[in-house]
Structure formats: C-alpha cells, structure tokens
Protein backbone atom coordinates (compact mmCIF):
# COMPACT_ATOMS: atom_id res chain seq x y z
CA MET A 1 0.02 -0.03 0.00
CA GLU A 2 2.75 2.46 0.96
CA GLU A 3 4.60 1.72 -2.29
CA GLN A 4 1.43 2.43 -4.31
CA MET A 5 0.93 5.73 -2.42
CA LYS A 6 4.50 6.78 -3.00
CA ALA A 7 4.28 5.91 -6.73
CA LYS A 8 1.00 7.83 -7.02
CA ASP A 9 2.42 10.94 -5.30
CA GLU A 10 5.62 10.85 -7.30
CA GLN A 11 3.59 10.64 -10.53
CA LEU A 12 1.41 13.53 -9.51
CA ALA A 13 4.53 15.57 -8.71
CA LYS A 14 5.91 14.77 -12.16
CA GLU A 15 2.67 15.77 -13.86
CA VAL A 16 2.25 19.01 -11.87
CA ASP A 17 5.57 20.87 -12.35
CA PRO A 18 5.32 24.38 -11.02
CA LEU A 19 8.40 25.46 -13.06
CA GLU A 20 7.00 24.32 -16.42
CA CYS A 21 5.40 27.74 -17.18
CA VAL A 22 8.63 29.53 -16.12
CA ARG A 23 10.82 27.40 -18.45
CA HIS A 24 8.74 28.20 -21.54
CA GLN A 25 7.85 31.85 -20.83
CA GLY A 26 9.13 34.47 -23.19
CA GLY A 27 10.84 37.82 -22.52
CA ASP A 28 8.28 39.74 -20.46
CA ASP A 29 10.16 40.17 -17.12
CA GLY A 30 7.04 41.20 -15.21
CA LEU A 31 5.17 38.05 -16.34
CA LYS A 32 8.24 35.90 -15.61
CA ARG A 33 8.44 37.26 -12.07
CA LEU A 34 4.78 36.56 -11.53
CA LEU A 35 5.11 32.98 -12.87
CA ILE A 36 8.10 32.40 -10.61
CA ARG A 37 6.10 33.59 -7.59
CA LEU A 38 3.26 31.32 -8.54
CA ALA A 39 5.58 28.38 -9.05
CA LEU A 40 7.22 28.95 -5.63
CA GLY A 41 3.77 29.40 -4.03
CA ALA A 42 2.78 26.02 -5.39
CA GLY A 43 5.79 24.63 -3.58
CA LEU A 44 8.90 22.83 -4.77
CA HIS A 45 8.70 19.21 -3.76
CA HIS A 46 11.83 17.94 -5.48
CA LEU A 47 15.47 18.91 -4.97
CA ALA A 48 15.87 18.98 -8.78
CA GLN A 49 13.41 21.78 -8.98
CA ALA A 50 15.25 23.93 -6.45
CA GLU A 51 18.50 23.24 -8.20
CA GLU A 52 16.88 24.13 -11.54
CA LEU A 53 15.96 27.55 -10.21
CA VAL A 54 19.65 28.20 -9.48
CA GLY A 55 20.50 27.03 -12.97
CA MET A 56 17.95 29.53 -14.39
CA GLY A 57 19.68 32.34 -12.49
CA ILE A 58 16.74 32.76 -10.16
CA ARG A 59 17.72 33.64 -6.58
CA VAL A 60 15.39 32.63 -3.77
CA ASN A 61 15.96 35.01 -0.84
CA LYS A 62 13.27 33.57 1.47
CA ALA A 63 11.87 30.10 1.91
CA LEU A 64 9.27 29.25 4.53
CA LEU A 65 8.59 25.99 6.26
CA ILE A 66 5.51 25.67 8.41
CA ASN A 67 6.55 22.99 10.91
CA VAL A 68 3.93 20.68 12.30
CA PRO A 69 4.99 17.37 13.95
CA ASP A 70 3.69 14.33 12.13
CA ASP A 71 1.71 13.07 15.15
CA VAL A 72 -0.09 16.43 15.32
CA LEU A 73 -0.99 16.19 11.63
CA VAL A 74 -2.26 12.61 12.09
CA ASP A 75 -4.37 13.80 15.03
CA ARG A 76 -5.75 16.73 13.02
CA VAL A 77 -6.74 14.58 10.10
CA GLN A 78 -8.38 11.92 12.33
CA GLY A 79 -10.89 14.45 13.54
CA ARG A 80 -12.03 15.42 10.06
CA VAL A 81 -15.47 14.42 8.80
CA VAL A 82 -17.30 15.28 5.60
CA CYS A 83 -21.00 15.46 4.73
CA ASP A 84 -21.95 12.63 2.33
CA LYS A 85 -24.45 14.91 0.56
CA CYS A 86 -22.99 18.40 0.19
CA GLY A 87 -19.34 17.83 0.98
CA THR A 88 -19.08 20.26 3.84
CA SER A 89 -16.12 19.57 6.03
CA TYR A 90 -15.99 19.62 9.84
CA HIS A 91 -13.44 18.78 12.51
CA LEU A 92 -14.74 17.00 15.61
CA LYS A 93 -12.52 19.08 17.96
CA ASN A 94 -11.89 22.30 16.09
CA ASN A 95 -15.06 22.87 14.05
CA PRO A 96 -17.76 20.43 15.18
CA PRO A 97 -21.26 20.26 13.78
CA ALA A 98 -24.16 21.41 16.00
CA ALA A 99 -25.54 17.82 16.18
CA GLU A 100 -23.17 14.88 16.23
CA GLY A 101 -22.98 13.09 12.88
CA VAL A 102 -25.27 15.53 11.11
CA CYS A 103 -24.40 18.30 8.65
CA ASP A 104 -25.40 21.71 9.72
CA LYS A 105 -26.02 22.84 6.16
CA CYS A 106 -28.13 20.07 4.68
CA GLY A 107 -28.77 17.43 7.33
CA GLY A 108 -26.63 14.84 5.57
CA ARG A 109 -24.66 12.17 7.31
CA LEU A 110 -21.06 13.01 8.41
CA GLU A 111 -18.40 10.37 7.85
CA ALA A 112 -14.64 10.10 7.99
CA ARG A 113 -12.87 9.87 4.68
CA LYS A 114 -11.22 6.49 3.96
CA ASP A 115 -7.90 8.16 3.18
CA ASP A 116 -7.84 9.81 6.62
CA ARG A 117 -6.99 6.54 8.45
CA PRO A 118 -3.83 6.99 10.52
CA GLU A 119 -1.79 4.42 8.58
CA THR A 120 -2.64 6.13 5.26
CA VAL A 121 -1.78 9.58 6.61
CA ARG A 122 1.53 8.28 7.96
CA ALA A 123 2.31 6.71 4.57
CA ARG A 124 1.57 10.03 2.78
CA LEU A 125 3.74 11.91 5.32
CA LYS A 126 6.61 9.53 4.63
CA VAL A 127 6.40 10.23 0.94
CA TYR A 128 6.19 13.99 1.68
CA HIS A 129 9.32 13.80 3.83
CA ASP A 130 11.23 11.68 1.32
CA LEU A 131 10.53 14.20 -1.41
CA THR A 132 10.57 17.48 0.52
CA ASP A 133 13.22 17.13 3.26
CA PRO A 134 16.12 17.46 0.70
CA VAL A 135 14.54 20.72 -0.50
CA VAL A 136 14.31 21.98 3.11
CA GLU A 137 17.98 21.23 3.64
CA PHE A 138 18.88 22.87 0.34
CA TYR A 139 17.40 26.16 1.48
CA ARG A 140 18.53 25.77 5.04
CA ASN A 141 22.15 25.35 3.85
CA ARG A 142 21.83 28.59 1.85
CA GLY A 143 20.63 30.46 4.95
CA VAL A 144 17.27 31.49 3.50
CA LEU A 145 14.93 29.07 5.31
CA SER A 146 12.68 30.36 7.99
CA GLU A 147 10.66 27.98 10.05
CA ILE A 148 7.24 28.78 11.49
CA ASP A 149 5.55 26.92 14.31
CA GLY A 150 2.54 25.29 12.69
CA THR A 151 1.04 24.39 16.03
CA ALA A 152 0.63 28.05 16.94
CA SER A 153 -2.69 29.76 16.46
CA ILE A 154 -3.60 30.84 12.96
CA ASP A 155 -3.19 34.47 14.03
CA GLU A 156 0.28 33.82 15.59
CA ALA A 157 1.47 31.87 12.59
CA THR A 158 0.19 34.50 10.14
CA ALA A 159 1.92 37.31 12.15
CA GLU A 160 5.21 35.31 12.07
CA ILE A 161 4.95 34.74 8.35
CA LEU A 162 4.24 38.42 7.68
CA LYS A 163 7.15 39.47 9.90
CA ILE A 164 9.52 37.19 7.98
CA LEU A 165 8.28 38.33 4.56
CA GLU A 166 8.35 42.01 5.45
CA GLY A 167 11.75 41.79 7.13
C-alpha cells in the first residue's frame, strides 16, 4: 500500500511541475516574475526543482517551512469528517457540527474519509518527507529558510509569516 501511495504521489509531482510555465515563458520580465512567484507558491517538492531555479539564475531570498509534527498532523486529520451529501467539512474538535454526525447545512450524514486513516496519513507523510526534506535542507544550507511553528494559532503563525516576509 505504501509503495502504491508513493508511486501515485511521485507521478502527480511529475505531472504538476510548477516550473514548467517559467521554463517556456518569453521575454516579459514582469510576467516571468509573476510565474516564478506562482511556481514557488505552489511549492517545490523535489530537490531537482530547487537546483533548476539556481541554474535558471533565479535567486530565492526567502523560503518558509510551516513545521507541524507528524503526530499532530495525524491527530488533526483523524478528527475530520465530511458530509456525504454536500461535501461540507468539519473537525470534531476544532469545528464540530451542532448535532453529532449531522451536517449543519443540509442534514446529511457525516463520515470520515477513507484516506484519513492514521496508517494512510503516515504513509503520505513519509512520501512527503522523502521528497521534501532534501529541498528543506537545500534552502537551510543557503541560509534563506525560516521555520514557522505550525502548532501556533492561525493568528500567531500568520503574524510570524508576515514578519519574515516584510523583514
């Protein structure tokens, strides 16, 4: 199962290359800068992509990593439920429905997604780390990586991100 998940994620990463539009863009510098920002916003999930930016003469002066321990991520996902009729998403701890098991919007039945099982989430996190940890080290070694505490409140994390980006 884990091998299938890894193969699926790697295939998706190959199909969705955020640098593709930058490689084939013409001479408009403003458009090129916008495409680079979009590509970086989509995230680089392979070391080869980060190295390619260097080869293209593109300097990244800030890279952000929102750090959340894997156990916290697994716990967060385990509490997620979705309406079987309208697709509205809830979290049993952080955003519970008014009535247990019933959608506030349409009255549909709330159920956990099959891919939210702890073992599935852990397998996906392993793939994420295998692909992304080298990119994190790449930017850490260049002195441009800032790490944000992803367990902080949304307001605190947002303030920290803004402080880093404005500084």
